[in-house]
Protein backbone atom coordinates (compact mmCIF):
# COMPACT_ATOMS: atom_id res chain seq x y z
CA MET A 1 0.00 0.00 0.00
CA ARG A 2 0.98 3.59 -0.48
CA HIS A 3 -0.89 6.87 -0.43
CA PHE A 4 -1.62 8.14 -3.94
CA GLY A 5 -0.64 4.69 -5.18
CA HIS A 6 -3.84 4.63 -7.25
CA ILE A 7 -2.56 7.34 -9.58
CA PRO A 8 -0.01 6.60 -12.34
CA SER A 9 3.66 6.72 -11.39
CA THR A 10 4.33 9.46 -13.93
CA ALA A 11 1.67 11.63 -12.28
CA ARG A 12 3.17 11.00 -8.84
CA ALA A 13 6.60 11.96 -10.10
CA GLY A 14 5.19 15.30 -11.24
CA LEU A 15 3.59 16.01 -7.86
CA PHE A 16 6.08 14.88 -5.26
CA HIS A 17 9.53 16.04 -4.24
CA ARG A 18 9.57 12.83 -2.19
CA GLU A 19 6.94 10.24 -3.00
CA PRO A 20 4.90 8.49 -0.28
CA ALA A 21 6.59 5.35 1.00
CA VAL A 22 5.21 1.85 0.56
CA PHE A 23 3.91 0.19 3.73
CA THR A 24 2.13 -3.06 4.61
CA ALA A 25 -0.11 -4.31 7.39
CA ASP A 26 3.07 -5.60 9.04
CA SER A 27 4.81 -2.21 9.11
CA PRO A 28 5.71 -0.71 12.52
CA ALA A 29 2.77 0.56 14.54
CA ARG A 30 4.19 4.09 14.55
CA THR A 31 4.05 4.13 10.75
CA LEU A 32 0.58 2.59 10.52
CA ALA A 33 -0.89 5.05 13.03
CA VAL A 34 0.09 7.92 10.73
CA ALA A 35 -0.74 6.01 7.54
CA LEU A 36 -4.40 5.45 8.51
CA GLY A 37 -5.32 8.72 6.80
CA ALA A 38 -9.02 8.88 5.93
CA THR A 39 -10.49 5.79 7.57
CA LEU A 40 -13.66 4.89 5.67
CA TYR A 41 -16.49 3.28 7.63
CA SER A 42 -18.90 0.80 6.06
CA PRO A 43 -21.78 -1.18 7.59
CA ALA A 44 -20.85 -4.84 8.00
CA THR A 45 -24.18 -5.87 6.49
CA ARG A 46 -23.46 -4.69 2.94
CA PRO A 47 -24.08 -7.70 0.68
CA ARG A 48 -21.17 -6.90 -1.68
CA LEU A 49 -18.78 -5.74 0.99
CA ALA A 50 -15.75 -7.51 -0.49
CA ASP A 51 -16.31 -5.77 -3.82
CA ASP A 52 -16.73 -2.45 -2.00
CA VAL A 53 -13.40 -2.95 -0.22
CA ARG A 54 -11.59 -3.71 -3.47
CA LYS A 55 -13.21 -0.75 -5.22
CA GLN A 56 -12.26 1.70 -2.48
CA ALA A 57 -8.70 0.35 -2.34
CA ALA A 58 -8.41 1.02 -6.07
CA ARG A 59 -9.48 4.62 -5.40
CA GLY A 60 -6.84 5.31 -2.78
CA VAL A 61 -8.43 4.18 0.50
CA VAL A 62 -5.82 2.58 2.77
CA SER A 63 -7.88 1.94 5.93
CA MET A 64 -11.47 0.82 6.45
CA VAL A 65 -13.70 -0.03 9.39
CA LEU A 66 -16.42 -2.64 8.90
CA CYS A 67 -19.01 -1.68 11.46
CA LEU A 68 -21.19 -3.94 13.63
CA GLU A 69 -22.14 -1.13 15.99
CA ASP A 70 -24.09 2.09 15.46
CA SER A 71 -24.28 1.84 11.67
CA ILE A 72 -26.57 -1.23 11.83
CA SER A 73 -29.67 -2.04 13.84
CA ASP A 74 -29.63 -4.30 16.88
CA ALA A 75 -31.62 -6.90 14.96
CA ASP A 76 -28.96 -7.13 12.22
CA VAL A 77 -25.89 -7.88 14.35
CA ALA A 78 -25.91 -11.65 13.81
CA ALA A 79 -26.45 -11.18 10.08
CA GLY A 80 -23.59 -8.70 10.02
CA GLU A 81 -21.25 -11.16 11.72
CA ASN A 82 -22.20 -13.91 9.26
CA ASN A 83 -21.72 -11.53 6.36
CA LEU A 84 -18.25 -10.55 7.55
CA VAL A 85 -17.14 -14.19 7.60
CA ARG A 86 -18.43 -14.68 4.04
CA GLN A 87 -16.94 -11.43 2.75
CA PHE A 88 -13.51 -12.10 4.25
CA ALA A 89 -13.53 -15.47 2.49
CA ASP A 90 -14.41 -13.70 -0.76
CA LEU A 91 -11.60 -11.17 -0.22
CA ALA A 92 -9.07 -13.88 0.61
CA ALA A 93 -9.97 -15.86 -2.51
CA GLY A 94 -8.98 -12.94 -4.73
CA THR A 95 -6.08 -11.56 -2.73
CA VAL A 96 -2.43 -11.73 -3.79
CA THR A 97 -0.32 -12.44 -0.72
CA ASP A 98 3.33 -12.36 0.18
CA ALA A 99 4.30 -14.24 3.31
CA ASP A 100 0.62 -14.29 4.30
CA THR A 101 0.37 -10.50 4.12
CA ALA A 102 -2.40 -8.99 2.01
CA THR A 103 -1.16 -6.64 -0.68
CA ASP A 104 -4.35 -5.59 -2.44
CA VAL A 105 -6.74 -4.69 0.39
CA PRO A 106 -6.64 -1.76 2.83
CA LEU A 107 -5.94 -2.05 6.52
CA LEU A 108 -9.20 -3.61 7.73
CA PHE A 109 -10.71 -3.19 11.19
CA ILE A 110 -14.00 -4.48 12.61
CA ARG A 111 -16.00 -2.28 14.94
CA VAL A 112 -17.59 -4.54 17.52
CA ARG A 113 -20.18 -3.99 20.23
CA GLU A 114 -19.04 -6.46 22.88
CA PRO A 115 -15.69 -8.07 23.83
CA ARG A 116 -16.93 -11.58 23.06
CA GLN A 117 -17.31 -10.63 19.40
CA ILE A 118 -13.55 -10.20 19.10
CA THR A 119 -12.67 -13.78 20.03
CA GLU A 120 -15.69 -15.28 18.30
CA LEU A 121 -15.05 -13.50 15.03
CA VAL A 122 -11.35 -14.33 15.00
CA ASP A 123 -12.23 -18.00 15.51
CA ARG A 124 -14.81 -17.90 12.74
CA LEU A 125 -12.55 -16.07 10.30
CA GLY A 126 -9.99 -18.86 10.43
CA GLU A 127 -7.09 -18.35 8.05
CA THR A 128 -8.72 -15.26 6.54
CA VAL A 129 -7.85 -13.41 9.75
CA ARG A 130 -4.61 -12.55 7.92
CA LEU A 131 -6.64 -9.81 6.20
CA LEU A 132 -7.62 -8.24 9.53
CA SER A 133 -5.57 -5.52 11.20
CA GLY A 134 -7.63 -5.14 14.35
CA PHE A 135 -10.78 -3.95 16.07
CA VAL A 136 -12.45 -0.64 16.83
CA LEU A 137 -13.67 -0.51 20.44
CA PRO A 138 -16.76 1.68 21.03
CA LYS A 139 -17.62 3.90 24.01
CA PHE A 140 -14.21 3.22 25.50
CA THR A 141 -13.54 3.81 29.20
CA GLU A 142 -11.16 2.18 31.63
CA ASN A 143 -13.81 -0.24 32.88
CA ARG A 144 -15.12 -1.21 29.45
CA GLY A 145 -11.70 -1.14 27.90
CA HIS A 146 -10.14 -3.80 30.08
CA ALA A 147 -12.48 -6.54 28.83
CA PHE A 148 -12.08 -5.45 25.20
CA LEU A 149 -8.29 -5.40 25.37
CA GLU A 150 -8.07 -8.73 27.16
CA ALA A 151 -10.26 -10.25 24.45
CA LEU A 152 -7.93 -8.76 21.85
CA ALA A 153 -4.90 -10.29 23.57
CA GLN A 154 -6.62 -13.67 23.61
CA ALA A 155 -7.50 -13.36 19.92
CA GLU A 156 -3.86 -12.59 19.12
CA ARG A 157 -2.71 -15.70 20.93
CA THR A 158 -5.32 -17.83 19.17
CA SER A 159 -4.67 -16.49 15.68
CA GLY A 160 -0.93 -15.94 15.93
CA ARG A 161 -1.47 -12.58 14.25
CA ARG A 162 -0.76 -9.06 15.49
CA LEU A 163 -4.08 -7.30 16.04
CA PHE A 164 -4.48 -3.65 16.95
CA ALA A 165 -7.12 -1.82 18.94
CA MET A 166 -8.56 1.56 18.05
CA PRO A 167 -10.62 2.75 21.04
CA VAL A 168 -13.37 5.27 20.32
CA LEU A 169 -13.61 8.04 22.92
CA GLU A 170 -17.31 8.92 22.95
CA SER A 171 -18.77 8.10 26.36
CA PRO A 172 -20.89 10.58 28.38
CA GLU A 173 -18.40 10.26 31.26
CA LEU A 174 -15.76 11.80 29.02
CA LEU A 175 -18.05 14.59 27.89
CA HIS A 176 -19.45 15.62 31.26
CA LEU A 177 -17.23 18.08 33.07
CA GLU A 178 -17.59 16.53 36.54
CA THR A 179 -16.33 13.12 35.37
CA ARG A 180 -13.98 14.08 32.53
CA ALA A 181 -10.68 14.27 34.41
CA GLU A 182 -11.22 10.94 36.15
CA THR A 183 -12.34 9.28 32.92
CA LEU A 184 -9.34 10.58 31.01
CA ALA A 185 -6.98 9.40 33.73
CA GLY A 186 -8.54 5.94 33.58
CA ILE A 187 -8.28 5.78 29.80
CA ALA A 188 -4.65 6.89 30.01
CA ALA A 189 -3.91 4.13 32.52
CA ILE A 190 -5.54 1.29 30.57
CA THR A 191 -4.15 2.34 27.19
CA ASP A 192 -0.67 2.66 28.66
CA LYS A 193 -0.95 -0.88 30.07
CA TYR A 194 -1.80 -2.22 26.60
CA ARG A 195 0.29 0.34 24.69
CA ASP A 196 1.67 -2.15 22.16
CA ARG A 197 -1.86 -3.03 21.06
CA VAL A 198 -3.34 0.48 20.79
CA LEU A 199 -2.77 1.83 17.28
CA ALA A 200 -4.73 5.09 17.55
CA LEU A 201 -7.53 6.74 19.48
CA ARG A 202 -10.66 7.86 17.63
CA LEU A 203 -13.09 10.61 18.66
CA GLY A 204 -16.84 10.00 18.62
CA VAL A 205 -18.03 13.58 18.19
CA THR A 206 -21.50 12.56 16.99
CA ASP A 207 -22.11 10.90 20.37
CA PHE A 208 -20.79 13.98 22.17
CA CYS A 209 -23.29 16.17 20.31
CA SER A 210 -26.08 13.67 20.93
CA ALA A 211 -25.73 14.04 24.69
CA TYR A 212 -26.90 17.65 24.36
CA GLY A 213 -29.23 17.28 21.38
CA LEU A 214 -26.79 19.12 19.10
CA ARG A 215 -25.82 18.70 15.47
CA ARG A 216 -23.41 20.98 13.65
CA SER A 217 -24.41 22.37 10.28
CA PRO A 218 -22.23 22.00 7.14
CA ASP A 219 -21.05 25.56 7.72
CA MET A 220 -19.59 24.70 11.13
CA THR A 221 -16.70 22.54 12.22
CA ALA A 222 -16.47 20.48 15.38
CA TYR A 223 -14.36 23.28 16.81
CA ASP A 224 -17.28 25.72 16.52
CA VAL A 225 -19.26 23.56 18.96
CA LYS A 226 -17.55 24.66 22.16
CA ILE A 227 -18.60 21.68 24.29
CA VAL A 228 -17.02 19.38 21.72
CA ALA A 229 -13.96 21.58 21.20
CA HIS A 230 -13.21 21.54 24.93
CA VAL A 231 -13.34 17.73 25.03
CA ILE A 232 -11.03 17.45 22.01
CA ALA A 233 -8.57 19.80 23.68
CA ASP A 234 -8.61 17.78 26.92
CA VAL A 235 -8.19 14.48 25.08
CA VAL A 236 -5.14 15.78 23.23
CA ASN A 237 -3.82 17.34 26.45
CA VAL A 238 -3.85 14.00 28.28
CA LEU A 239 -3.55 11.39 25.51
CA GLY A 240 -1.82 13.13 22.59
CA ARG A 241 1.42 14.35 24.14
CA SER A 242 4.66 14.22 22.16
CA ASP A 243 6.78 13.07 25.11
CA GLY A 244 6.39 9.38 24.35
CA THR A 245 3.29 8.86 26.50
CA GLY A 246 0.79 9.95 23.86
CA PHE A 247 -1.03 8.27 20.99
CA THR A 248 -2.18 9.28 17.54
CA VAL A 249 -5.63 10.84 17.96
CA THR A 250 -7.72 10.91 14.79
CA GLY A 251 -10.11 13.63 13.65
CA PRO A 252 -13.89 13.41 14.04
CA VAL A 253 -16.32 12.34 11.35
CA TRP A 254 -17.70 14.83 8.83
CA GLU A 255 -21.37 13.99 8.39
CA TYR A 256 -22.28 15.82 5.19
CA PHE A 257 -22.10 14.87 1.55
CA ARG A 258 -24.16 15.76 -1.50
CA LEU A 259 -22.75 14.27 -4.64
CA GLY A 260 -21.99 10.75 -5.76
CA GLU A 261 -18.64 9.03 -5.60
CA ARG A 262 -17.44 10.65 -8.83
CA MET A 263 -17.76 14.11 -7.34
CA PHE A 264 -15.94 16.88 -9.24
CA LYS A 265 -14.90 14.66 -12.16
CA PRO A 266 -17.09 16.42 -14.74
CA GLN A 267 -15.98 19.81 -13.41
CA LEU A 268 -12.33 18.80 -13.33
CA ARG A 269 -12.43 18.08 -17.05
CA ARG A 270 -13.33 21.70 -17.78
CA SER A 271 -10.55 24.14 -18.55
CA PRO A 272 -10.72 26.25 -15.32
CA PHE A 273 -9.89 23.17 -13.28
CA LEU A 274 -7.35 21.81 -15.71
CA GLU A 275 -5.63 25.17 -15.45
CA GLY A 276 -5.47 24.71 -11.69
CA SER A 277 -7.70 27.64 -10.69
CA ALA A 278 -7.75 27.50 -6.91
CA GLU A 279 -10.56 30.04 -6.68
CA ASP A 280 -12.83 28.12 -9.07
CA LEU A 281 -12.18 24.86 -7.25
CA ARG A 282 -12.81 26.49 -3.89
CA THR A 283 -16.13 27.82 -5.21
CA ALA A 284 -17.09 24.31 -6.25
CA LEU A 285 -16.14 22.99 -2.83
CA ILE A 286 -18.32 25.58 -1.10
CA GLU A 287 -21.23 24.79 -3.38
CA HIS A 288 -20.96 21.12 -2.57
CA ASP A 289 -20.81 21.43 1.22
CA LEU A 290 -17.11 20.55 1.50
CA ASP A 291 -15.73 23.91 2.52
CA GLY A 292 -16.55 22.99 6.12
CA LEU A 293 -14.74 19.67 5.73
CA LEU A 294 -11.60 21.38 4.45
CA ARG A 295 -11.61 23.86 7.32
CA GLU A 296 -12.15 21.06 9.82
CA ILE A 297 -9.23 19.03 8.45
CA GLU A 298 -6.95 22.03 8.85
CA LEU A 299 -8.23 22.61 12.39
CA ASP A 300 -7.73 18.93 13.20
CA ARG A 301 -4.05 19.27 12.38
CA ALA A 302 -3.70 22.57 14.25
CA ASN A 303 -5.19 20.93 17.33
CA GLY A 304 -2.96 17.85 17.30
CA LEU A 305 -5.15 15.35 15.44
CA LEU A 306 -4.05 13.25 12.48
CA GLY A 307 -6.22 11.31 10.05
CA LYS A 308 -10.01 11.37 10.04
CA THR A 309 -13.06 9.15 10.36
CA CYS A 310 -14.99 9.21 7.06
CA ILE A 311 -18.46 7.92 6.23
CA HIS A 312 -18.44 8.74 2.52
CA PRO A 313 -15.84 8.01 -0.20
CA THR A 314 -15.89 11.62 -1.42
CA HIS A 315 -14.20 12.71 1.82
CA VAL A 316 -11.13 10.51 1.38
CA VAL A 317 -9.19 12.43 -1.29
CA PRO A 318 -9.49 15.84 0.44
CA VAL A 319 -8.21 14.32 3.70
CA HIS A 320 -5.23 12.74 1.94
CA ALA A 321 -4.48 15.81 -0.18
CA LEU A 322 -4.31 17.98 2.94
CA SER A 323 -2.10 15.40 4.68
CA VAL A 324 0.75 15.73 2.18
CA VAL A 325 3.68 17.68 3.63
CA SER A 326 4.44 20.89 1.77
CA HIS A 327 7.95 21.51 0.55
CA GLU A 328 8.19 24.44 2.97
CA GLU A 329 7.19 22.30 5.98
CA TRP A 330 9.67 19.62 4.95
CA SER A 331 12.47 22.15 4.51
CA ASP A 332 11.87 23.62 7.95
CA ALA A 333 11.70 20.19 9.60
CA GLN A 334 14.92 19.09 7.91
CA ASP A 335 16.75 22.19 9.11
CA ILE A 336 15.51 21.83 12.70
CA LEU A 337 16.62 18.20 12.93
CA ARG A 338 20.10 18.58 11.43
CA PRO A 339 22.67 16.96 13.76
CA GLU A 340 24.65 20.17 14.03
CA GLN A 341 21.55 21.84 15.55
CA GLY A 342 21.45 19.45 18.51
CA GLY A 343 22.45 22.20 20.91
CA GLY A 344 19.46 24.37 20.05
CA GLY A 345 19.33 27.93 18.80
CA VAL A 346 17.25 29.86 16.30
CA LEU A 347 17.44 29.54 12.51
CA ARG A 348 15.98 31.58 9.72
CA SER A 349 13.74 29.46 7.54
CA ALA A 350 15.12 28.64 4.12
CA TYR A 351 11.92 30.28 2.84
CA THR A 352 12.99 33.44 4.76
CA ASN A 353 9.50 33.93 6.19
CA LYS A 354 9.76 32.60 9.74
CA MET A 355 12.08 31.59 12.54
CA ASN A 356 12.75 27.95 13.39
CA GLU A 357 13.57 27.59 17.08
CA VAL A 358 15.34 24.24 17.29
CA LYS A 359 14.36 22.92 20.72
CA PRO A 360 10.70 24.06 20.89
CA HIS A 361 10.04 23.01 17.27
CA ARG A 362 11.80 19.64 17.45
CA ALA A 363 8.69 17.58 18.29
CA TRP A 364 6.80 19.27 15.45
CA ALA A 365 9.65 18.54 13.05
CA GLU A 366 9.81 14.87 14.02
CA ARG A 367 6.08 14.52 13.56
CA THR A 368 6.23 16.31 10.22
CA LEU A 369 8.95 14.04 8.84
CA LEU A 370 6.99 10.95 9.86
CA ARG A 371 3.96 12.32 8.01
CA ALA A 372 6.26 13.11 5.06
CA GLU A 373 7.41 9.50 4.93
CA VAL A 374 3.84 8.23 4.69
CA PHE A 375 2.11 10.95 2.65
CA GLY A 376 5.07 12.31 0.73
CA VAL A 377 6.48 15.81 0.21
CA ALA A 378 4.95 17.97 -2.49
CA LYS A 379 7.12 19.78 -5.02
CA GLU A 380 7.62 23.48 -4.40
CA ASP A 381 5.05 24.54 -6.98
CA VAL A 382 2.47 21.86 -6.12
CA GLY A 383 -0.44 22.74 -3.85
CA PHE A 384 -3.66 21.27 -2.52
CA VAL A 385 -5.60 21.84 -5.76
CA ASP A 386 -3.03 19.83 -7.75
CA LEU A 387 -3.11 16.97 -5.25
CA LEU A 388 -6.90 16.94 -5.07
CA THR A 389 -7.21 16.98 -8.84
CA ALA A 390 -4.74 14.11 -9.24
CA GLY A 391 -6.35 12.08 -6.47
CA LEU A 392 -9.80 12.41 -8.01
CA ALA A 393 -8.56 11.71 -11.53
CA GLY A 394 -6.79 8.56 -10.34
């Protein structure tokens, strides 16, 4: 797998100063946590789920969650489990493997409701468990998390395969002010105990809003809803630190979409878009309810989040395009981390538009270079519009 791997190599060469690196499901956890990118959710009951997975992989999706929780009704859980077993068999039958590692499917996770589903599903999947990267754990708290993570450890022992957990932080105890600090401390304790198994933490902002009967409009980001913004800030404060104790925390879901999966393609064939008109493309984005998504992605990054939960394929390319490291960011990070700068000090940016203070900016630089490895570094004259256009055309 590689980001932008669905576009021709000649097109990638024209976009990237350094192309995104290839990774597999067996890559180090630190790499995979960054590589998740836009994680596309799909109900586990979809009758042609295996075909959906292949189709989305061909369009640049590198991580998917197959959901047995809120996306399906209570009455459909058993059918969803049965369908997953059948669909994994279908995927395995058409999958090229190397040392039992899938090479033509995304990183696949199953969102379960109860801990028992983890062990039961791994048993039922049999050898096709090699296509599974882990489980998404809903409404995660210290008390609920222990049983989930123990079940995951048991499933690993049974299957002989590394399986990751992605806890979803969405419980009322985390939202409510009087219980938030205690809940965060408990989550920090349990995730630290099982650190090797926790790939990333996901935010359930829809559940946060639900507790107060709120729903943000397409003109507003999660950060405009102050109750939600305060929780995000506290989660990053406790669980997203760059001192080695933190985890990757992913951005919240964007609920809105209007067009079909081939969004923008007719417009992109017209000359204004082929000429790379940023203003025309931005107008199209606003008209199609994605201006809010773009602003939220930028705010995610500014607030310490990386990657994003997505419920529609049209959201994937914008998330990935805005995840590519600009040449200016890469240049600054390279300068900050040069061995001769180990003693600290202040440097003028090679772009002569800012100062780079070596010690305070070191953690940012390290994080930026890890993102650069996974998403690549754009050429100096390549911007978001170019990356979005190429990603959609691919």
